Each structure stands twice: as C-alpha cells, then as structure tokens.
C-alpha atoms as a PDB file:
ATOM      1  CA  MET A   1     -19.353   6.293  20.901  1.00  0.00           C
ATOM      2  CA  TRP A   2     -18.220   2.777  19.979  1.00  0.00           C
ATOM      3  CA  TYR A   3     -19.168   3.532  16.368  1.00  0.00           C
ATOM      4  CA  PHE A   4     -16.500   6.237  16.173  1.00  0.00           C
ATOM      5  CA  SER A   5     -13.683   3.854  17.044  1.00  0.00           C
ATOM      6  CA  TRP A   6     -15.200   1.191  14.781  1.00  0.00           C
ATOM      7  CA  ILE A   7     -15.378   3.449  11.710  1.00  0.00           C
ATOM      8  CA  LEU A   8     -11.930   4.870  12.487  1.00  0.00           C
ATOM      9  CA  GLY A   9     -10.426   1.386  12.671  1.00  0.00           C
ATOM     10  CA  LEU A  10     -12.226   0.301   9.524  1.00  0.00           C
ATOM     11  CA  SER A  11     -11.044   3.339   7.573  1.00  0.00           C
ATOM     12  CA  LEU A  12      -7.457   2.864   8.763  1.00  0.00           C
ATOM     13  CA  ALA A  13      -7.559  -0.802   7.752  1.00  0.00           C
ATOM     14  CA  CYS A  14      -8.882   0.119   4.304  1.00  0.00           C
ATOM     15  CA  ALA A  15      -6.242   2.827   3.881  1.00  0.00           C
ATOM     16  CA  PHE A  16      -3.519   0.367   4.878  1.00  0.00           C
ATOM     17  CA  ALA A  17      -4.831  -2.214   2.396  1.00  0.00           C
ATOM     18  CA  ILE A  18      -4.898   0.336  -0.432  1.00  0.00           C
ATOM     19  CA  LEU A  19      -1.376   1.574   0.326  1.00  0.00           C
ATOM     20  CA  ASN A  20      -0.125  -1.999   0.593  1.00  0.00           C
ATOM     21  CA  ALA A  21      -1.609  -2.836  -2.819  1.00  0.00           C
ATOM     22  CA  MET A  22      -0.075   0.297  -4.349  1.00  0.00           C
ATOM     23  CA  TRP A  23       3.342  -0.590  -2.891  1.00  0.00           C
ATOM     24  CA  PHE A  24       3.051  -4.158  -4.179  1.00  0.00           C
ATOM     25  CA  GLU A  25       2.186  -2.940  -7.684  1.00  0.00           C
ATOM     26  CA  LEU A  26       5.099  -0.486  -7.611  1.00  0.00           C
ATOM     27  CA  ARG A  27       7.572  -3.192  -6.570  1.00  0.00           C
ATOM     28  CA  GLU A  28       6.241  -5.691  -9.128  1.00  0.00           C
ATOM     29  CA  GLY A  29       6.497  -3.108 -11.915  1.00  0.00           C
ATOM     30  CA  ALA A  30      10.083  -2.280 -10.974  1.00  0.00           C
ATOM     31  CA  GLU A  31      11.083  -5.954 -11.100  1.00  0.00           C
ATOM     32  CA  HIS A  32       9.726  -6.406 -14.626  1.00  0.00           C
ATOM     33  CA  ASP A  33      11.276  -3.223 -16.072  1.00  0.00           C
ATOM     34  CA  PRO A  34      15.088  -3.554 -16.213  1.00  0.00           C
ATOM     35  CA  ALA A  35      15.527  -0.071 -17.733  1.00  0.00           C
ATOM     36  CA  LYS A  36      14.565   1.634 -14.476  1.00  0.00           C
ATOM     37  CA  PRO A  37      16.832   1.456 -11.426  1.00  0.00           C
ATOM     38  CA  SER A  38      15.118  -0.273  -8.516  1.00  0.00           C
ATOM     39  CA  GLY A  39      16.617   2.001  -5.856  1.00  0.00           C
ATOM     40  CA  ASP A  40      18.053  -0.884  -3.834  1.00  0.00           C
ATOM     41  CA  ALA A  41      21.746  -0.042  -3.699  1.00  0.00           C
END
C-alpha cells in the first residue's frame, strides 16, 4: 500500500502549492490597490 501514501503526499503537496499561489496573488493584489484596506492593523 505504498502507493496510497505516495498519492496522498503528492495530492497534499499539490494542494499546498495551489493554496500558496492563491495566497501570494491575494497579497500582491492588496499591495497594488491602495483603495482596499490590507487588514494588517
């Protein structure tokens, strides 16, 4: 059952990469738009 842990680890790594990219895009968009508050008080 090594394939189960392999595919689970691969899917978690891909999910982490996608969420990290989404977070990066969100933070970059907030820095370039001064009309919106950034939420960092």
